[in-house]
Amino acid sequence: MVKIPPIANLQNDSAQKLKYFRLSSDPVITKNEILDFKKLNDELGRPVIDLILNKEGAKKLKILTENNIGKPIAMVFVKKSCLRQL
């Protein structure tokens, strides 16, 4: 279970509904479908992710959002470092 902090720009007490939810162990979009992503700031200075997907990833995201209009979805980015002895 993942705790989500309240989001200031949601309306109608939606932030309160986002306190806890379960994440699927099978991601809809995998790292193979992500071509690039960048951490940016929007015009109000809030952090955003600029995500560039390949054709298959874009199609999956389109279907996911169409099937979940009005429902929250989560995107989890995990940065891993691997150290190897040479």
Protein backbone atom coordinates (compact mmCIF):
# COMPACT_ATOMS: atom_id res chain seq x y z
CA MET A 1 0.00 0.00 0.00
CA VAL A 2 1.32 3.45 -0.90
CA LYS A 3 0.49 6.63 0.99
CA ILE A 4 -0.15 9.57 -1.30
CA PRO A 5 0.16 13.09 0.16
CA PRO A 6 -2.78 15.44 -0.41
CA ILE A 7 -2.58 17.27 -3.72
CA ALA A 8 -3.32 20.97 -3.45
CA ASN A 9 -4.87 21.56 -6.88
CA LEU A 10 -7.54 18.82 -6.79
CA GLN A 11 -11.16 19.90 -6.37
CA ASN A 12 -14.18 18.51 -4.48
CA ASP A 13 -12.16 16.87 -1.67
CA SER A 14 -10.53 14.52 -4.21
CA ALA A 15 -7.24 14.91 -2.34
CA GLN A 16 -8.78 13.17 0.67
CA LYS A 17 -9.82 10.19 -1.48
CA LEU A 18 -6.20 9.68 -2.62
CA LYS A 19 -4.74 8.85 0.79
CA TYR A 20 -4.14 5.12 0.19
CA PHE A 21 -4.42 2.76 -2.76
CA ARG A 22 -2.84 -0.47 -3.99
CA LEU A 23 -0.41 -0.65 -6.87
CA SER A 24 -0.49 -3.53 -9.32
CA SER A 25 2.63 -5.66 -9.45
CA ASP A 26 2.30 -5.74 -13.25
CA PRO A 27 2.96 -2.29 -14.72
CA VAL A 28 0.96 -1.18 -17.75
CA ILE A 29 3.98 0.59 -19.21
CA THR A 30 7.47 -0.85 -18.79
CA LYS A 31 10.91 0.74 -19.05
CA ASN A 32 11.22 -0.72 -22.56
CA GLU A 33 8.40 1.57 -23.71
CA ILE A 34 9.84 4.73 -22.16
CA LEU A 35 12.15 6.50 -24.61
CA ASP A 36 13.00 9.39 -22.32
CA PHE A 37 11.75 11.33 -19.32
CA LYS A 38 12.75 14.59 -17.70
CA LYS A 39 11.91 16.29 -14.44
CA LEU A 40 10.67 19.80 -15.25
CA ASN A 41 8.63 22.55 -13.62
CA ASP A 42 5.31 23.83 -14.93
CA GLU A 43 4.47 27.53 -15.33
CA LEU A 44 3.67 27.75 -11.59
CA GLY A 45 6.96 26.15 -10.58
CA ARG A 46 5.44 22.79 -9.61
CA PRO A 47 7.44 19.66 -10.49
CA VAL A 48 6.21 17.66 -13.49
CA ILE A 49 7.54 14.71 -15.49
CA ASP A 50 7.91 15.04 -19.26
CA LEU A 51 7.46 11.46 -20.46
CA ILE A 52 8.26 10.32 -24.01
CA LEU A 53 6.91 6.88 -24.91
CA ASN A 54 7.30 4.66 -27.95
CA LYS A 55 4.24 3.85 -30.07
CA GLU A 56 3.24 0.79 -27.99
CA GLY A 57 3.65 2.65 -24.68
CA ALA A 58 1.61 5.60 -25.96
CA LYS A 59 -1.16 3.23 -27.06
CA LYS A 60 -1.21 1.53 -23.63
CA LEU A 61 -1.34 4.88 -21.81
CA LYS A 62 -4.17 6.05 -24.07
CA ILE A 63 -6.22 2.93 -23.27
CA LEU A 64 -5.41 3.17 -19.56
CA THR A 65 -6.55 6.78 -19.30
CA GLU A 66 -9.68 6.21 -21.43
CA ASN A 67 -10.71 3.34 -19.14
CA ASN A 68 -10.04 5.30 -15.95
CA ILE A 69 -11.51 8.76 -16.56
CA GLY A 70 -12.13 10.40 -13.20
CA LYS A 71 -10.06 7.79 -11.35
CA PRO A 72 -6.52 8.21 -10.05
CA ILE A 73 -3.65 6.41 -11.74
CA ALA A 74 -0.11 6.14 -10.39
CA MET A 75 3.20 6.41 -12.16
CA VAL A 76 6.12 5.12 -10.16
CA PHE A 77 9.67 5.94 -11.22
CA VAL A 78 12.46 4.07 -9.49
CA LYS A 79 16.03 5.10 -9.94
CA LYS A 80 18.39 2.17 -9.44
CA SER A 81 22.14 2.25 -9.24
CA CYS A 82 24.15 -0.84 -9.86
CA LEU A 83 27.75 -1.06 -8.79
CA ARG A 84 29.94 -3.72 -10.34
CA GLN A 85 33.46 -4.65 -9.60
CA LEU A 86 35.63 -4.45 -12.70
